[in-house]
Amino acid sequence: MRKGLTIGEFATMSHLSVRTLRRYHEAGLLAPAVVDPHTSYRYYQPDQIATAQVIHRLRQLDVPLAEVKSILATDDPQRRTELVAGHLRRLEAELDRTRAAVVSLRQLLRPDAAALEIELRSVPARTVVAIRAQVRHEHALAWFDTAMTELDEAFPPAERTGPPGGRYANELFTDGVGLMTVFRPVRDPRGSGRIEVVELPSADLAVAVHRGPHDDIDVTYGRLGAWVASHALGVDGPVHETYLVGPRDTGHSERWRTELGWPVFRLASA
């Protein structure tokens, strides 16, 4: 009586090599339905084909062996979906980091990208609504999104008098944790919850515009900082950002425009 599909037949039907199937067996991921005690031949059942292909897809996505075993071991479809979704989220985050690094490298390697238009500007004191907090660098983007959403909900477009902005302490970059302030200029500043009415002091800035997505904004910061250093103008103080056009204005990242402001000595002496 036939014991099932030979490993060769199973390999053909599942589009997996015999070597791969043996490796899955040794790793405890997919055991044959029957192993002949005399010949050690492996035999599989047709209903194992889908399982073999699931394992193959998961391994293609670099899902660790322990997680693959957990996914296969659970009989709860919801739990299985959650395990796979968790790994997909990690992969997407890794892809985002890779894409950002590629964009930055391409920008750095462009010989025509070194020139940067820089303007020296005096910014007057302003009264704005703001949210401030000490934030760890790795949490900065999530904190920014939450804080800016709170400001947007509290002050709809009719109440706004200019683009939003941010001020970020040097310690955020040097020590990995520092004061972040995001703000909006509005007609009637008023506090509520985390939202404060804040008086932003006047500042003298070297200003450059970063165009496009923020993946390579560090490159523009680097060039702006190099210009300030070469002109001996830099002073300690938070860097300024003004979001002329950003994700809240358009989903087309190539249209984004972010003003970067680096604190400098007073312009009269510069």
Protein backbone atom coordinates (compact mmCIF):
# COMPACT_ATOMS: atom_id res chain seq x y z
CA MET A 1 0.00 0.00 0.00
CA ARG A 2 1.34 3.44 -0.94
CA LYS A 3 2.52 5.39 2.13
CA GLY A 4 2.12 8.83 0.53
CA LEU A 5 4.09 11.12 -1.71
CA THR A 6 7.79 10.50 -1.99
CA ILE A 7 10.00 13.44 -1.10
CA GLY A 8 10.74 13.89 -4.80
CA GLU A 9 7.04 13.99 -5.71
CA PHE A 10 6.34 16.34 -2.83
CA ALA A 11 9.21 18.60 -3.89
CA THR A 12 7.81 18.80 -7.43
CA MET A 13 4.27 19.61 -6.25
CA SER A 14 5.35 22.21 -3.68
CA HIS A 15 8.08 23.74 -5.89
CA LEU A 16 10.58 23.26 -3.08
CA SER A 17 13.84 21.40 -3.38
CA VAL A 18 14.48 18.07 -1.67
CA ARG A 19 17.31 19.75 0.21
CA THR A 20 14.94 22.45 1.50
CA LEU A 21 12.39 19.86 2.64
CA ARG A 22 15.08 17.94 4.49
CA ARG A 23 16.21 21.16 6.16
CA TYR A 24 12.63 21.92 7.26
CA HIS A 25 12.41 18.42 8.73
CA GLU A 26 15.69 18.78 10.62
CA ALA A 27 14.60 22.16 11.97
CA GLY A 28 11.35 20.71 13.28
CA LEU A 29 9.21 22.81 10.95
CA LEU A 30 7.70 20.13 8.69
CA ALA A 31 8.00 16.47 9.53
CA PRO A 32 7.08 13.88 6.90
CA ALA A 33 3.79 12.08 7.49
CA VAL A 34 5.69 8.76 7.48
CA VAL A 35 9.35 7.80 7.68
CA ASP A 36 9.99 4.22 6.61
CA PRO A 37 11.90 2.57 9.51
CA HIS A 38 13.77 0.26 7.14
CA THR A 39 14.72 2.58 4.28
CA SER A 40 14.45 5.99 6.07
CA TYR A 41 12.52 7.22 3.04
CA ARG A 42 10.29 10.23 3.78
CA TYR A 43 6.66 10.27 2.66
CA TYR A 44 4.34 13.27 2.72
CA GLN A 45 0.59 13.80 2.41
CA PRO A 46 -1.00 16.16 -0.15
CA ASP A 47 -2.47 18.36 2.61
CA GLN A 48 1.10 19.21 3.72
CA ILE A 49 1.83 21.06 0.47
CA ALA A 50 0.20 24.30 1.64
CA THR A 51 2.06 24.13 4.98
CA ALA A 52 5.38 23.69 3.18
CA GLN A 53 4.68 26.71 1.00
CA VAL A 54 3.67 28.83 4.00
CA ILE A 55 6.98 27.96 5.67
CA HIS A 56 8.84 28.87 2.50
CA ARG A 57 7.14 32.27 2.26
CA LEU A 58 7.81 33.03 5.91
CA ARG A 59 11.48 32.12 5.58
CA GLN A 60 11.72 34.29 2.45
CA LEU A 61 10.57 37.15 4.70
CA ASP A 62 13.31 36.27 7.22
CA VAL A 63 10.81 35.24 9.89
CA PRO A 64 12.95 33.60 12.64
CA LEU A 65 12.61 29.84 13.04
CA ALA A 66 11.11 30.24 16.51
CA GLU A 67 8.37 32.49 15.13
CA VAL A 68 7.68 30.12 12.23
CA LYS A 69 7.20 27.32 14.75
CA SER A 70 4.85 29.49 16.81
CA ILE A 71 2.80 30.36 13.74
CA LEU A 72 2.52 26.72 12.71
CA ALA A 73 1.76 25.53 16.23
CA THR A 74 -1.25 27.78 16.86
CA ASP A 75 -4.73 26.64 15.88
CA ASP A 76 -6.17 30.12 16.39
CA PRO A 77 -6.40 31.93 13.00
CA GLN A 78 -6.50 35.34 14.72
CA ARG A 79 -3.33 34.62 16.69
CA ARG A 80 -1.62 33.31 13.56
CA THR A 81 -2.54 36.49 11.70
CA GLU A 82 -1.22 38.65 14.55
CA LEU A 83 2.12 36.84 14.55
CA VAL A 84 2.56 37.28 10.80
CA ALA A 85 1.38 40.90 10.88
CA GLY A 86 3.87 41.73 13.64
CA HIS A 87 6.76 40.51 11.53
CA LEU A 88 5.45 42.34 8.46
CA ARG A 89 5.41 45.58 10.44
CA ARG A 90 9.03 45.05 11.43
CA LEU A 91 9.94 44.37 7.80
CA GLU A 92 8.16 47.53 6.66
CA ALA A 93 10.05 49.56 9.25
CA GLU A 94 13.32 48.06 8.05
CA LEU A 95 12.40 48.86 4.44
CA ASP A 96 11.68 52.46 5.44
CA ARG A 97 15.11 52.72 7.08
CA THR A 98 16.77 51.20 4.02
CA ARG A 99 14.93 53.55 1.66
CA ALA A 100 15.87 56.58 3.76
CA ALA A 101 19.54 55.55 3.75
CA VAL A 102 19.50 55.04 -0.03
CA VAL A 103 17.93 58.46 -0.61
CA SER A 104 20.51 60.13 1.64
CA LEU A 105 23.42 58.37 -0.05
CA ARG A 106 22.21 59.35 -3.51
CA GLN A 107 21.93 62.95 -2.38
CA LEU A 108 25.41 62.90 -0.84
CA LEU A 109 26.93 61.39 -3.98
CA ARG A 110 25.46 64.00 -6.32
CA PRO A 111 28.31 66.34 -7.27
CA ASP A 112 25.85 69.13 -8.15
CA ALA A 113 24.04 69.04 -4.81
CA ALA A 114 26.68 70.77 -2.68
CA ALA A 115 25.37 74.28 -3.46
CA LEU A 116 22.68 75.35 -1.03
CA GLU A 117 20.87 78.67 -1.03
CA ILE A 118 21.21 80.15 2.46
CA GLU A 119 19.56 83.29 3.78
CA LEU A 120 20.45 85.20 6.95
CA ARG A 121 17.22 86.16 8.64
CA SER A 122 16.07 87.86 11.84
CA VAL A 123 12.89 86.24 13.19
CA PRO A 124 10.88 88.46 15.57
CA ALA A 125 9.42 87.24 18.86
CA ARG A 126 6.05 85.53 18.42
CA THR A 127 3.22 84.32 20.61
CA VAL A 128 2.10 80.84 19.53
CA VAL A 129 0.32 77.77 20.82
CA ALA A 130 2.72 74.93 21.45
CA ILE A 131 3.29 71.53 22.98
CA ARG A 132 6.64 70.90 24.68
CA ALA A 133 8.27 67.85 26.21
CA GLN A 134 11.58 66.13 26.87
CA VAL A 135 11.66 63.40 24.21
CA ARG A 136 14.04 60.57 23.37
CA HIS A 137 15.40 60.76 19.84
CA GLU A 138 14.00 57.38 18.83
CA HIS A 139 10.51 58.51 19.87
CA ALA A 140 10.72 61.93 18.19
CA LEU A 141 8.68 61.19 15.06
CA ALA A 142 5.84 59.50 16.95
CA TRP A 143 5.78 62.31 19.53
CA PHE A 144 5.78 64.95 16.78
CA ASP A 145 2.83 63.35 14.97
CA THR A 146 0.77 63.10 18.15
CA ALA A 147 1.54 66.65 19.29
CA MET A 148 0.87 68.19 15.89
CA THR A 149 -2.42 66.29 15.61
CA GLU A 150 -3.50 67.76 18.97
CA LEU A 151 -2.71 71.28 17.75
CA ASP A 152 -4.54 70.72 14.47
CA GLU A 153 -7.65 69.44 16.24
CA ALA A 154 -7.68 72.33 18.70
CA PHE A 155 -7.11 75.03 16.06
CA PRO A 156 -8.81 74.42 12.69
CA PRO A 157 -7.51 76.10 9.50
CA ALA A 158 -9.64 79.25 9.91
CA GLU A 159 -7.83 80.07 13.17
CA ARG A 160 -4.29 79.61 11.87
CA THR A 161 -2.15 82.53 10.75
CA GLY A 162 0.89 80.73 9.36
CA PRO A 163 2.61 77.39 8.87
CA PRO A 164 3.50 75.19 11.84
CA GLY A 165 7.01 74.90 13.14
CA GLY A 166 9.30 73.26 15.63
CA ARG A 167 12.26 74.09 17.87
CA TYR A 168 14.57 71.24 18.85
CA ALA A 169 17.24 71.43 21.54
CA ASN A 170 20.80 70.40 20.66
CA GLU A 171 20.66 67.74 23.39
CA LEU A 172 18.07 65.82 21.34
CA PHE A 173 20.88 65.04 18.90
CA THR A 174 23.96 65.10 21.13
CA ASP A 175 22.55 63.18 24.11
CA GLY A 176 19.66 61.31 22.53
CA VAL A 177 17.06 63.15 24.63
CA GLY A 178 16.10 66.81 24.62
CA LEU A 179 13.36 69.41 24.58
CA MET A 180 11.05 69.31 21.57
CA THR A 181 8.59 72.11 20.89
CA VAL A 182 6.03 72.06 18.09
CA PHE A 183 3.86 75.10 17.56
CA ARG A 184 1.32 76.90 15.43
CA PRO A 185 0.74 80.65 15.09
CA VAL A 186 -2.99 81.31 15.57
CA ARG A 187 -5.36 84.30 15.87
CA ASP A 188 -6.44 83.63 19.44
CA PRO A 189 -3.75 81.69 21.38
CA ARG A 190 -5.21 79.73 24.30
CA GLY A 191 -4.08 76.79 26.35
CA SER A 192 -5.84 73.48 26.86
CA GLY A 193 -4.46 70.20 28.18
CA ARG A 194 -0.90 69.85 26.92
CA ILE A 195 -1.28 72.93 24.71
CA GLU A 196 0.42 76.05 26.10
CA VAL A 197 0.58 79.68 25.04
CA VAL A 198 4.30 80.23 24.45
CA GLU A 199 6.32 83.35 23.71
CA LEU A 200 9.01 82.37 21.21
CA PRO A 201 12.03 84.70 21.55
CA SER A 202 13.47 86.52 18.58
CA ALA A 203 16.29 84.74 16.80
CA ASP A 204 18.90 85.30 14.14
CA LEU A 205 19.05 82.33 11.80
CA ALA A 206 20.84 80.98 8.77
CA VAL A 207 17.94 79.54 6.78
CA ALA A 208 17.89 76.92 4.03
CA VAL A 209 14.96 75.14 2.43
CA HIS A 210 14.87 71.34 2.31
CA ARG A 211 12.85 70.22 -0.68
CA GLY A 212 11.04 66.90 -0.86
CA PRO A 213 10.61 64.05 1.63
CA HIS A 214 12.38 64.10 4.96
CA ASP A 215 14.39 60.92 4.33
CA ASP A 216 17.50 62.96 3.55
CA ILE A 217 16.80 66.07 5.60
CA ASP A 218 19.95 65.28 7.58
CA VAL A 219 21.97 65.96 4.41
CA THR A 220 20.54 69.46 4.15
CA TYR A 221 21.19 70.01 7.85
CA GLY A 222 24.77 68.89 7.34
CA ARG A 223 25.36 71.34 4.50
CA LEU A 224 23.70 74.18 6.38
CA GLY A 225 25.78 73.43 9.48
CA ALA A 226 28.96 73.29 7.40
CA TRP A 227 28.19 76.71 5.92
CA VAL A 228 27.56 78.20 9.37
CA ALA A 229 30.77 76.68 10.73
CA SER A 230 32.87 77.88 7.79
CA HIS A 231 31.58 81.43 8.31
CA ALA A 232 32.16 81.28 12.08
CA LEU A 233 28.58 82.33 12.75
CA GLY A 234 27.18 79.46 14.81
CA VAL A 235 25.90 79.85 18.35
CA ASP A 236 24.38 77.39 20.78
CA GLY A 237 20.64 77.18 20.58
CA PRO A 238 17.78 75.09 19.30
CA VAL A 239 17.43 74.46 15.59
CA HIS A 240 14.25 75.78 14.01
CA GLU A 241 12.02 74.14 11.43
CA THR A 242 9.09 75.67 9.57
CA TYR A 243 6.84 73.33 7.62
CA LEU A 244 5.88 75.48 4.63
CA VAL A 245 4.39 72.46 2.88
CA GLY A 246 4.29 69.09 4.61
CA PRO A 247 2.47 65.80 5.02
CA ARG A 248 -0.58 67.58 6.43
CA ASP A 249 -0.85 69.66 3.25
CA THR A 250 -0.24 67.04 0.55
CA GLY A 251 0.50 63.35 0.21
CA HIS A 252 2.94 64.11 -2.61
CA SER A 253 6.23 64.20 -0.72
CA GLU A 254 8.10 65.73 -3.66
CA ARG A 255 6.13 68.93 -2.99
CA TRP A 256 7.16 69.24 0.65
CA ARG A 257 9.14 72.32 1.64
CA THR A 258 10.79 72.59 5.06
CA GLU A 259 12.71 75.65 6.20
CA LEU A 260 15.67 74.81 8.42
CA GLY A 261 16.96 77.57 10.68
CA TRP A 262 20.38 77.42 12.35
CA PRO A 263 21.03 79.96 15.17
CA VAL A 264 23.80 82.44 14.35
CA PHE A 265 25.35 85.58 15.78
CA ARG A 266 23.38 88.75 15.38
CA LEU A 267 23.19 89.67 11.73
CA ALA A 268 24.53 93.18 12.30
CA SER A 269 27.84 91.73 13.46
CA ALA A 270 27.78 88.94 10.87
